N, C-alpha and C. Protein backbone atom coordinates (compact mmCIF):
# COMPACT_ATOMS: atom_id res chain seq x y z
N MET A 1 168.36 158.00 126.27
CA MET A 1 168.77 157.86 124.90
C MET A 1 169.53 156.54 124.81
N ALA A 2 169.25 155.75 123.77
CA ALA A 2 169.88 154.45 123.67
C ALA A 2 170.04 154.06 122.22
N GLY A 3 170.86 153.06 121.96
CA GLY A 3 171.05 152.55 120.62
C GLY A 3 172.03 151.41 120.62
N ALA A 4 172.09 150.67 119.50
CA ALA A 4 173.02 149.56 119.36
C ALA A 4 173.66 149.65 117.99
N GLN A 5 174.90 149.22 117.89
CA GLN A 5 175.62 149.31 116.63
C GLN A 5 176.61 148.16 116.58
N SER A 6 176.79 147.57 115.39
CA SER A 6 177.78 146.51 115.21
C SER A 6 179.01 147.08 114.53
N SER A 7 180.16 146.58 114.89
CA SER A 7 181.40 147.01 114.26
C SER A 7 182.40 145.87 114.31
N SER A 8 183.51 146.04 113.64
CA SER A 8 184.58 145.05 113.70
C SER A 8 185.72 145.63 114.51
N ILE A 9 186.10 144.94 115.55
CA ILE A 9 187.25 145.33 116.36
C ILE A 9 188.22 144.16 116.24
N GLY A 10 189.36 144.39 115.61
CA GLY A 10 190.28 143.29 115.36
C GLY A 10 189.65 142.32 114.38
N ARG A 11 189.80 141.05 114.65
CA ARG A 11 189.21 140.04 113.78
C ARG A 11 187.82 139.63 114.23
N ARG A 12 187.50 139.93 115.47
CA ARG A 12 186.26 139.48 116.06
C ARG A 12 185.18 140.54 115.90
N PRO A 13 184.05 140.21 115.25
CA PRO A 13 182.99 141.22 115.18
C PRO A 13 182.46 141.50 116.59
N GLN A 14 182.18 142.75 116.84
CA GLN A 14 181.70 143.12 118.16
C GLN A 14 180.62 144.18 118.02
N ALA A 15 179.60 144.04 118.82
CA ALA A 15 178.51 145.02 118.81
C ALA A 15 178.70 145.97 119.99
N THR A 16 178.16 147.14 119.83
CA THR A 16 178.20 148.13 120.91
C THR A 16 176.78 148.50 121.27
N VAL A 17 176.48 148.42 122.54
CA VAL A 17 175.17 148.83 123.05
C VAL A 17 175.38 150.18 123.72
N PHE A 18 174.64 151.17 123.27
CA PHE A 18 174.79 152.54 123.77
C PHE A 18 173.68 152.87 124.76
N TRP A 19 174.03 153.62 125.78
CA TRP A 19 173.05 154.15 126.73
C TRP A 19 173.56 155.52 127.17
N ALA A 20 172.68 156.49 127.24
CA ALA A 20 173.07 157.83 127.67
C ALA A 20 172.26 158.25 128.88
N ALA A 21 172.92 158.92 129.80
CA ALA A 21 172.27 159.43 131.00
C ALA A 21 172.96 160.72 131.42
N PRO A 22 172.20 161.67 131.96
CA PRO A 22 172.81 162.93 132.38
C PRO A 22 173.83 162.75 133.50
N ARG A 23 173.50 161.87 134.47
CA ARG A 23 174.37 161.69 135.64
C ARG A 23 174.55 160.20 135.90
N ILE A 24 175.59 159.87 136.56
CA ILE A 24 175.85 158.47 136.88
C ILE A 24 174.76 157.88 137.78
N GLN A 25 174.18 158.72 138.65
CA GLN A 25 173.13 158.25 139.54
C GLN A 25 171.89 157.78 138.76
N ASP A 26 171.72 158.28 137.54
CA ASP A 26 170.56 157.90 136.73
C ASP A 26 170.65 156.47 136.21
N LEU A 27 171.78 155.83 136.39
CA LEU A 27 171.94 154.44 135.96
C LEU A 27 171.34 153.47 136.97
N TYR A 28 171.00 153.97 138.15
CA TYR A 28 170.59 153.09 139.24
C TYR A 28 169.17 153.39 139.69
N GLU A 29 168.58 152.40 140.36
CA GLU A 29 167.23 152.56 140.92
C GLU A 29 167.27 153.60 142.04
N ASP A 30 166.16 154.31 142.20
CA ASP A 30 166.08 155.36 143.21
C ASP A 30 165.89 154.83 144.63
N PHE A 31 165.31 153.64 144.77
CA PHE A 31 164.95 153.16 146.11
C PHE A 31 166.16 152.87 146.99
N ASP A 32 167.33 152.66 146.40
CA ASP A 32 168.49 152.37 147.23
C ASP A 32 169.59 153.42 147.05
N LYS A 33 169.19 154.68 147.15
CA LYS A 33 170.12 155.79 146.93
C LYS A 33 171.30 155.78 147.90
N THR A 34 171.08 155.30 149.10
CA THR A 34 172.16 155.34 150.09
C THR A 34 173.12 154.16 149.96
N ALA A 35 172.76 153.17 149.16
CA ALA A 35 173.64 152.01 148.99
C ALA A 35 174.86 152.39 148.15
N PRO A 36 175.99 151.74 148.41
CA PRO A 36 177.16 152.02 147.56
C PRO A 36 176.92 151.48 146.15
N PHE A 37 177.63 152.03 145.18
CA PHE A 37 177.41 151.64 143.78
C PHE A 37 177.51 150.14 143.57
N LEU A 38 178.40 149.47 144.27
CA LEU A 38 178.59 148.04 144.06
C LEU A 38 177.36 147.23 144.45
N LYS A 39 176.48 147.77 145.28
CA LYS A 39 175.32 147.04 145.77
C LYS A 39 174.02 147.49 145.12
N LYS A 40 174.04 148.49 144.29
CA LYS A 40 172.80 149.06 143.75
C LYS A 40 172.25 148.23 142.59
N ASP A 41 170.92 148.26 142.48
CA ASP A 41 170.26 147.68 141.31
C ASP A 41 170.32 148.68 140.18
N LEU A 42 170.54 148.17 138.97
CA LEU A 42 170.49 149.05 137.81
C LEU A 42 169.07 149.54 137.60
N ASP A 43 168.93 150.69 136.99
CA ASP A 43 167.62 151.22 136.63
C ASP A 43 166.87 150.17 135.82
N LYS A 44 165.59 150.00 136.10
CA LYS A 44 164.80 148.94 135.45
C LYS A 44 164.79 149.12 133.93
N ASP A 45 164.60 150.34 133.46
CA ASP A 45 164.59 150.58 132.01
C ASP A 45 165.94 150.23 131.39
N LEU A 46 167.01 150.59 132.07
CA LEU A 46 168.35 150.28 131.57
C LEU A 46 168.56 148.77 131.52
N MET A 47 168.19 148.08 132.58
CA MET A 47 168.37 146.63 132.63
C MET A 47 167.58 145.95 131.52
N GLU A 48 166.31 146.35 131.34
CA GLU A 48 165.48 145.74 130.29
C GLU A 48 166.04 146.06 128.90
N TYR A 49 166.52 147.27 128.73
CA TYR A 49 167.10 147.65 127.44
C TYR A 49 168.35 146.82 127.13
N LEU A 50 169.25 146.71 128.11
CA LEU A 50 170.47 145.93 127.90
C LEU A 50 170.15 144.47 127.62
N ALA A 51 169.19 143.91 128.36
CA ALA A 51 168.80 142.52 128.13
C ALA A 51 168.18 142.36 126.74
N GLY A 52 167.33 143.30 126.34
CA GLY A 52 166.72 143.24 125.01
C GLY A 52 167.76 143.32 123.90
N CYS A 53 168.72 144.22 124.06
CA CYS A 53 169.80 144.34 123.06
C CYS A 53 170.63 143.06 123.00
N ALA A 54 170.95 142.50 124.15
CA ALA A 54 171.75 141.27 124.18
C ALA A 54 171.00 140.12 123.50
N ARG A 55 169.67 140.07 123.69
CA ARG A 55 168.88 139.04 122.99
C ARG A 55 168.94 139.24 121.48
N GLU A 56 168.78 140.49 121.04
CA GLU A 56 168.80 140.79 119.60
C GLU A 56 170.16 140.50 118.98
N ILE A 57 171.22 140.82 119.69
CA ILE A 57 172.57 140.64 119.19
C ILE A 57 172.89 139.15 119.04
N GLY A 58 172.29 138.33 119.88
CA GLY A 58 172.56 136.90 119.82
C GLY A 58 173.92 136.57 120.43
N GLY A 59 174.67 135.72 119.74
CA GLY A 59 175.95 135.27 120.27
C GLY A 59 177.12 136.20 120.00
N THR A 60 176.87 137.31 119.32
CA THR A 60 177.95 138.25 119.01
C THR A 60 178.46 138.91 120.28
N PRO A 61 179.78 138.95 120.47
CA PRO A 61 180.31 139.67 121.63
C PRO A 61 179.93 141.15 121.56
N PHE A 62 179.74 141.76 122.70
CA PHE A 62 179.34 143.17 122.71
C PHE A 62 179.96 143.90 123.89
N ILE A 63 179.97 145.22 123.76
CA ILE A 63 180.38 146.08 124.86
C ILE A 63 179.22 147.02 125.17
N ILE A 64 179.20 147.52 126.38
CA ILE A 64 178.19 148.49 126.80
C ILE A 64 178.90 149.83 126.92
N ARG A 65 178.45 150.81 126.14
CA ARG A 65 179.07 152.14 126.18
C ARG A 65 178.05 153.10 126.78
N ILE A 66 178.40 153.69 127.90
CA ILE A 66 177.52 154.62 128.61
C ILE A 66 178.06 156.04 128.40
N THR A 67 177.20 156.90 127.88
CA THR A 67 177.57 158.30 127.67
C THR A 67 176.93 159.12 128.78
N LEU A 68 177.75 159.88 129.49
CA LEU A 68 177.28 160.69 130.62
C LEU A 68 177.51 162.16 130.32
N GLY A 69 176.77 163.01 131.02
CA GLY A 69 176.94 164.45 130.87
C GLY A 69 178.35 164.89 131.24
N ALA A 70 178.94 164.25 132.24
CA ALA A 70 180.32 164.54 132.65
C ALA A 70 180.94 163.22 133.06
N LEU A 71 182.16 162.99 132.64
CA LEU A 71 182.83 161.74 132.96
C LEU A 71 183.31 161.74 134.41
N PRO A 72 182.92 160.74 135.18
CA PRO A 72 183.39 160.66 136.56
C PRO A 72 184.85 160.21 136.60
N ASP A 73 185.43 160.25 137.79
CA ASP A 73 186.82 159.83 137.94
C ASP A 73 186.97 158.33 137.68
N ASP A 74 188.20 157.87 137.52
CA ASP A 74 188.48 156.47 137.18
C ASP A 74 187.95 155.50 138.22
N ALA A 75 188.03 155.86 139.49
CA ALA A 75 187.55 154.98 140.55
C ALA A 75 186.04 154.78 140.44
N THR A 76 185.30 155.84 140.13
CA THR A 76 183.85 155.73 139.99
C THR A 76 183.50 154.91 138.76
N VAL A 77 184.23 155.10 137.67
CA VAL A 77 184.00 154.29 136.46
C VAL A 77 184.24 152.82 136.78
N ALA A 78 185.28 152.52 137.54
CA ALA A 78 185.56 151.13 137.94
C ALA A 78 184.42 150.57 138.78
N ARG A 79 183.85 151.40 139.67
CA ARG A 79 182.72 150.94 140.49
C ARG A 79 181.49 150.70 139.62
N VAL A 80 181.27 151.53 138.60
CA VAL A 80 180.14 151.32 137.69
C VAL A 80 180.31 149.98 136.96
N ARG A 81 181.52 149.71 136.50
CA ARG A 81 181.79 148.42 135.83
C ARG A 81 181.50 147.26 136.79
N SER A 82 182.02 147.37 138.01
CA SER A 82 181.82 146.30 138.99
C SER A 82 180.36 146.14 139.36
N SER A 83 179.66 147.24 139.54
CA SER A 83 178.25 147.14 139.93
C SER A 83 177.42 146.54 138.81
N THR A 84 177.72 146.87 137.56
CA THR A 84 177.01 146.28 136.43
C THR A 84 177.27 144.78 136.38
N HIS A 85 178.53 144.42 136.51
CA HIS A 85 178.92 143.01 136.53
C HIS A 85 178.21 142.27 137.67
N ASN A 86 178.28 142.83 138.87
CA ASN A 86 177.67 142.18 140.04
C ASN A 86 176.16 142.07 139.91
N TYR A 87 175.52 143.09 139.35
CA TYR A 87 174.06 143.07 139.23
C TYR A 87 173.61 141.94 138.30
N PHE A 88 174.29 141.77 137.17
CA PHE A 88 173.89 140.71 136.24
C PHE A 88 174.26 139.33 136.76
N LEU A 89 175.32 139.23 137.54
CA LEU A 89 175.62 137.95 138.21
C LEU A 89 174.55 137.63 139.24
N TYR A 90 174.07 138.65 139.94
CA TYR A 90 172.97 138.47 140.90
C TYR A 90 171.72 137.96 140.19
N LEU A 91 171.37 138.57 139.04
CA LEU A 91 170.20 138.11 138.29
C LEU A 91 170.40 136.68 137.78
N ARG A 92 171.61 136.36 137.36
CA ARG A 92 171.91 134.99 136.92
C ARG A 92 171.70 134.01 138.06
N ASP A 93 172.17 134.37 139.25
CA ASP A 93 172.01 133.49 140.40
C ASP A 93 170.54 133.31 140.78
N LEU A 94 169.73 134.37 140.63
CA LEU A 94 168.29 134.23 140.88
C LEU A 94 167.68 133.22 139.93
N GLU A 95 168.07 133.26 138.67
CA GLU A 95 167.55 132.31 137.68
C GLU A 95 168.02 130.89 138.00
N ARG A 96 169.23 130.75 138.47
CA ARG A 96 169.72 129.42 138.87
C ARG A 96 168.90 128.87 140.03
N ARG A 97 168.51 129.74 140.95
CA ARG A 97 167.65 129.30 142.05
C ARG A 97 166.31 128.81 141.52
N LYS A 98 165.79 129.49 140.49
CA LYS A 98 164.54 129.04 139.87
C LYS A 98 164.68 127.64 139.31
N VAL A 99 165.81 127.35 138.68
CA VAL A 99 166.04 126.02 138.12
C VAL A 99 166.06 124.98 139.23
N ARG A 100 166.75 125.29 140.32
CA ARG A 100 166.79 124.35 141.45
C ARG A 100 165.40 124.13 142.03
N LYS A 101 164.62 125.20 142.13
CA LYS A 101 163.26 125.07 142.65
C LYS A 101 162.40 124.23 141.71
N MET A 102 162.55 124.45 140.39
CA MET A 102 161.81 123.64 139.42
C MET A 102 162.20 122.17 139.52
N ALA A 103 163.48 121.90 139.71
CA ALA A 103 163.94 120.52 139.83
C ALA A 103 163.35 119.87 141.07
N ARG A 104 163.32 120.60 142.19
CA ARG A 104 162.72 120.06 143.42
C ARG A 104 161.23 119.79 143.23
N THR A 105 160.53 120.76 142.63
CA THR A 105 159.10 120.60 142.39
C THR A 105 158.84 119.40 141.49
N SER A 106 159.63 119.27 140.44
CA SER A 106 159.47 118.14 139.52
C SER A 106 159.71 116.81 140.23
N LEU A 107 160.73 116.77 141.08
CA LEU A 107 161.03 115.55 141.81
C LEU A 107 159.90 115.18 142.76
N VAL A 108 159.37 116.16 143.47
CA VAL A 108 158.26 115.90 144.39
C VAL A 108 157.04 115.38 143.62
N LEU A 109 156.71 116.05 142.52
CA LEU A 109 155.56 115.61 141.71
C LEU A 109 155.79 114.22 141.13
N LEU A 110 157.02 113.92 140.73
CA LEU A 110 157.35 112.60 140.19
C LEU A 110 157.16 111.53 141.26
N LEU A 111 157.66 111.80 142.47
CA LEU A 111 157.52 110.83 143.56
C LEU A 111 156.05 110.64 143.95
N ILE A 112 155.30 111.72 143.99
CA ILE A 112 153.86 111.62 144.28
C ILE A 112 153.18 110.80 143.19
N GLY A 113 153.49 111.10 141.94
CA GLY A 113 152.88 110.37 140.82
C GLY A 113 153.18 108.89 140.86
N ILE A 114 154.43 108.52 141.15
CA ILE A 114 154.80 107.10 141.23
C ILE A 114 154.07 106.43 142.38
N ARG A 115 154.00 107.11 143.51
CA ARG A 115 153.30 106.53 144.68
C ARG A 115 151.81 106.34 144.39
N VAL A 116 151.17 107.35 143.82
CA VAL A 116 149.74 107.25 143.51
C VAL A 116 149.51 106.19 142.44
N LEU A 117 150.41 106.08 141.47
CA LEU A 117 150.28 105.05 140.44
C LEU A 117 150.39 103.65 141.04
N ALA A 118 151.30 103.48 142.00
CA ALA A 118 151.43 102.19 142.68
C ALA A 118 150.15 101.85 143.44
N VAL A 119 149.58 102.85 144.11
CA VAL A 119 148.32 102.63 144.82
C VAL A 119 147.21 102.30 143.83
N ALA A 120 147.17 102.99 142.70
CA ALA A 120 146.14 102.74 141.69
C ALA A 120 146.25 101.33 141.13
N VAL A 121 147.46 100.86 140.87
CA VAL A 121 147.65 99.49 140.36
C VAL A 121 147.19 98.49 141.41
N SER A 122 147.56 98.74 142.66
CA SER A 122 147.15 97.84 143.75
C SER A 122 145.63 97.80 143.90
N VAL A 123 144.99 98.96 143.85
CA VAL A 123 143.52 99.02 143.97
C VAL A 123 142.88 98.31 142.78
N ASN A 124 143.39 98.53 141.58
CA ASN A 124 142.83 97.88 140.40
C ASN A 124 142.96 96.36 140.47
N GLN A 125 144.03 95.84 141.07
CA GLN A 125 144.20 94.40 141.21
C GLN A 125 143.26 93.82 142.26
N ARG A 126 142.94 94.60 143.27
CA ARG A 126 142.11 94.09 144.37
C ARG A 126 140.62 94.11 144.04
N ILE A 127 140.21 95.06 143.24
CA ILE A 127 138.77 95.10 142.92
C ILE A 127 138.51 94.08 141.82
N GLY A 128 137.45 93.40 141.94
CA GLY A 128 137.10 92.39 140.94
C GLY A 128 136.02 92.90 140.01
N GLU A 129 135.62 92.02 139.14
CA GLU A 129 134.56 92.36 138.19
C GLU A 129 133.23 92.60 138.91
N THR A 130 133.08 92.00 140.07
CA THR A 130 131.82 92.13 140.79
C THR A 130 131.76 93.37 141.68
N SER A 131 132.84 94.10 141.77
CA SER A 131 132.85 95.31 142.60
C SER A 131 131.93 96.35 142.02
N GLY A 132 131.51 97.26 142.85
CA GLY A 132 130.58 98.29 142.43
C GLY A 132 131.22 99.34 141.53
N VAL A 133 130.36 100.16 140.96
CA VAL A 133 130.80 101.21 140.05
C VAL A 133 131.71 102.21 140.78
N MET A 134 131.38 102.52 142.00
CA MET A 134 132.17 103.50 142.75
C MET A 134 133.61 103.02 142.96
N ALA A 135 133.80 101.73 143.18
CA ALA A 135 135.15 101.19 143.34
C ALA A 135 135.95 101.36 142.05
N HIS A 136 135.30 101.10 140.91
CA HIS A 136 135.98 101.27 139.61
C HIS A 136 136.27 102.75 139.33
N VAL A 137 135.32 103.62 139.67
CA VAL A 137 135.53 105.06 139.47
C VAL A 137 136.69 105.55 140.34
N PHE A 138 136.74 105.07 141.58
CA PHE A 138 137.83 105.45 142.48
C PHE A 138 139.18 104.98 141.92
N ALA A 139 139.24 103.74 141.46
CA ALA A 139 140.49 103.19 140.91
C ALA A 139 140.93 103.97 139.67
N GLU A 140 139.99 104.28 138.79
CA GLU A 140 140.33 105.06 137.58
C GLU A 140 140.75 106.49 137.96
N GLY A 141 140.10 107.05 138.95
CA GLY A 141 140.47 108.39 139.42
C GLY A 141 141.90 108.42 139.93
N LEU A 142 142.29 107.39 140.67
CA LEU A 142 143.67 107.30 141.14
C LEU A 142 144.66 107.21 139.97
N THR A 143 144.28 106.44 138.96
CA THR A 143 145.15 106.30 137.78
C THR A 143 145.32 107.64 137.08
N VAL A 144 144.21 108.35 136.90
CA VAL A 144 144.27 109.66 136.25
C VAL A 144 145.11 110.63 137.09
N ALA A 145 144.91 110.64 138.40
CA ALA A 145 145.68 111.53 139.28
C ALA A 145 147.17 111.22 139.19
N ALA A 146 147.51 109.94 139.13
CA ALA A 146 148.92 109.56 139.02
C ALA A 146 149.52 110.07 137.72
N TRP A 147 148.82 109.90 136.61
CA TRP A 147 149.36 110.35 135.33
C TRP A 147 149.43 111.88 135.25
N VAL A 148 148.47 112.55 135.86
CA VAL A 148 148.53 114.02 135.88
C VAL A 148 149.76 114.48 136.66
N SER A 149 150.03 113.87 137.79
CA SER A 149 151.19 114.24 138.59
C SER A 149 152.49 113.94 137.83
N LEU A 150 152.55 112.79 137.17
CA LEU A 150 153.74 112.45 136.40
C LEU A 150 153.94 113.41 135.23
N TRP A 151 152.85 113.76 134.55
CA TRP A 151 152.95 114.70 133.44
C TRP A 151 153.39 116.08 133.93
N GLU A 152 152.83 116.52 135.03
CA GLU A 152 153.19 117.83 135.57
C GLU A 152 154.67 117.88 135.95
N ALA A 153 155.17 116.77 136.51
CA ALA A 153 156.59 116.71 136.85
C ALA A 153 157.45 116.86 135.61
N LEU A 154 157.08 116.18 134.56
CA LEU A 154 157.83 116.25 133.30
C LEU A 154 157.69 117.63 132.66
N ALA A 155 156.48 118.14 132.60
CA ALA A 155 156.23 119.43 131.95
C ALA A 155 156.90 120.58 132.70
N THR A 156 156.85 120.54 134.01
CA THR A 156 157.46 121.61 134.80
C THR A 156 158.94 121.74 134.46
N PHE A 157 159.61 120.62 134.40
CA PHE A 157 161.04 120.69 134.15
C PHE A 157 161.36 120.89 132.68
N LEU A 158 160.75 120.10 131.81
CA LEU A 158 161.13 120.16 130.39
C LEU A 158 160.68 121.42 129.69
N ILE A 159 159.47 121.88 129.98
CA ILE A 159 158.93 123.04 129.26
C ILE A 159 159.43 124.35 129.87
N GLN A 160 159.45 124.45 131.18
CA GLN A 160 159.82 125.71 131.82
C GLN A 160 161.33 125.87 131.97
N TRP A 161 162.08 124.80 131.81
CA TRP A 161 163.52 124.84 132.03
C TRP A 161 164.24 125.64 130.95
N ALA A 162 163.87 125.47 129.69
CA ALA A 162 164.59 126.12 128.58
C ALA A 162 164.58 127.65 128.68
N PRO A 163 163.43 128.30 128.91
CA PRO A 163 163.48 129.77 129.02
C PRO A 163 164.34 130.26 130.18
N VAL A 164 164.31 129.56 131.29
CA VAL A 164 165.12 129.98 132.44
C VAL A 164 166.61 129.77 132.13
N ARG A 165 166.93 128.67 131.47
CA ARG A 165 168.32 128.43 131.06
C ARG A 165 168.81 129.54 130.13
N ASN A 166 167.94 129.97 129.21
CA ASN A 166 168.30 131.06 128.30
C ASN A 166 168.56 132.36 129.06
N GLU A 167 167.76 132.63 130.09
CA GLU A 167 167.97 133.83 130.90
C GLU A 167 169.30 133.75 131.67
N ILE A 168 169.64 132.57 132.14
CA ILE A 168 170.93 132.39 132.83
C ILE A 168 172.07 132.74 131.89
N ARG A 169 172.00 132.23 130.67
CA ARG A 169 173.05 132.53 129.68
C ARG A 169 173.08 134.02 129.34
N LEU A 170 171.90 134.61 129.20
CA LEU A 170 171.82 136.04 128.87
C LEU A 170 172.48 136.88 129.96
N PHE A 171 172.12 136.63 131.22
CA PHE A 171 172.67 137.41 132.32
C PHE A 171 174.18 137.17 132.46
N GLN A 172 174.64 135.96 132.16
CA GLN A 172 176.07 135.69 132.19
C GLN A 172 176.79 136.52 131.12
N ARG A 173 176.21 136.58 129.92
CA ARG A 173 176.81 137.38 128.84
C ARG A 173 176.84 138.86 129.21
N LEU A 174 175.75 139.34 129.82
CA LEU A 174 175.72 140.75 130.24
C LEU A 174 176.76 141.02 131.33
N ALA A 175 176.93 140.08 132.24
CA ALA A 175 177.93 140.25 133.30
C ALA A 175 179.35 140.27 132.73
N GLU A 176 179.57 139.54 131.64
CA GLU A 176 180.90 139.46 131.04
C GLU A 176 181.20 140.62 130.09
N ALA A 177 180.18 141.38 129.71
CA ALA A 177 180.39 142.47 128.74
C ALA A 177 181.25 143.58 129.35
N ASP A 178 182.12 144.13 128.53
CA ASP A 178 182.90 145.29 128.97
C ASP A 178 181.97 146.50 129.07
N VAL A 179 182.18 147.31 130.09
CA VAL A 179 181.40 148.54 130.26
C VAL A 179 182.37 149.71 130.12
N MET A 180 182.04 150.62 129.20
CA MET A 180 182.88 151.80 128.97
C MET A 180 182.05 153.04 129.24
N CYS A 181 182.65 154.02 129.85
CA CYS A 181 181.98 155.30 130.10
C CYS A 181 182.69 156.39 129.32
N ARG A 182 181.91 157.32 128.82
CA ARG A 182 182.50 158.48 128.14
C ARG A 182 181.62 159.69 128.41
N ALA A 183 182.20 160.86 128.24
CA ALA A 183 181.47 162.10 128.45
C ALA A 183 181.06 162.65 127.10
N ASP A 184 179.89 163.26 127.07
CA ASP A 184 179.42 163.92 125.85
C ASP A 184 178.97 165.32 126.23
N ALA A 185 179.92 166.22 126.30
CA ALA A 185 179.62 167.59 126.70
C ALA A 185 178.88 168.35 125.61
N THR A 186 178.88 167.84 124.37
CA THR A 186 178.23 168.56 123.27
C THR A 186 176.73 168.35 123.26
N ASP A 187 176.25 167.31 123.94
CA ASP A 187 174.81 167.02 123.92
C ASP A 187 174.16 167.71 125.11
N SER A 188 173.42 168.77 124.86
CA SER A 188 172.81 169.54 125.94
C SER A 188 171.72 168.76 126.67
N SER A 189 171.13 167.74 126.02
CA SER A 189 170.10 166.96 126.70
C SER A 189 170.69 166.10 127.81
N LEU A 190 172.01 165.89 127.78
CA LEU A 190 172.65 165.10 128.81
C LEU A 190 173.17 165.94 129.97
N ALA A 191 173.18 167.24 129.80
CA ALA A 191 173.70 168.12 130.85
C ALA A 191 172.77 168.11 132.04
N PRO A 192 173.32 168.09 133.26
CA PRO A 192 172.47 168.10 134.44
C PRO A 192 171.64 169.38 134.50
N ALA A 193 170.45 169.24 135.04
CA ALA A 193 169.56 170.40 135.18
C ALA A 193 170.17 171.39 136.17
N ALA A 194 169.84 172.64 136.01
CA ALA A 194 170.36 173.69 136.91
C ALA A 194 169.91 173.39 138.33
N GLY A 195 170.83 173.48 139.25
CA GLY A 195 170.51 173.25 140.66
C GLY A 195 170.57 171.79 141.04
N ALA A 196 170.91 170.88 140.10
CA ALA A 196 170.96 169.45 140.41
C ALA A 196 172.31 169.08 140.97
């Protein structure tokens, strides 16, 4: 169960992103059940939902309110806050690595393009009007290859950089969001199943 709501807290408008789960364990991925809360990945659906809400909210500050079938102790709530914070910082760092990789790829392509362009200019200067068709085709092919490499270097960084930068900002905002937990004993759909 999920939802988002905007409200005014003090002078600053603030949005609230709601998420409900029967148990605290339902907030996390199943594959790392033995890991401590601080190291666990958030449930994929929860992560995508929180990211989607943060995108929709835009620049408005927000809090994440998690409703559980039973409220855990204060130490567990603190670990949930820390694990949420750490998980989004981890995702932010992954995106930063992508930017560094894009920058390296762009630099390599730029250097290759400049080198091939220098070779193409040199070849074009050496072949004369009397050279064969194949020499001219080779020289033009080098020129085209150089420009393709230069364009790819520019496109890789300029076009792909903006979406990754936006994801970095998004994950930073999610990491900075306050996480609040509350119990909702009145909602029977949140109650743990018998024998769980």
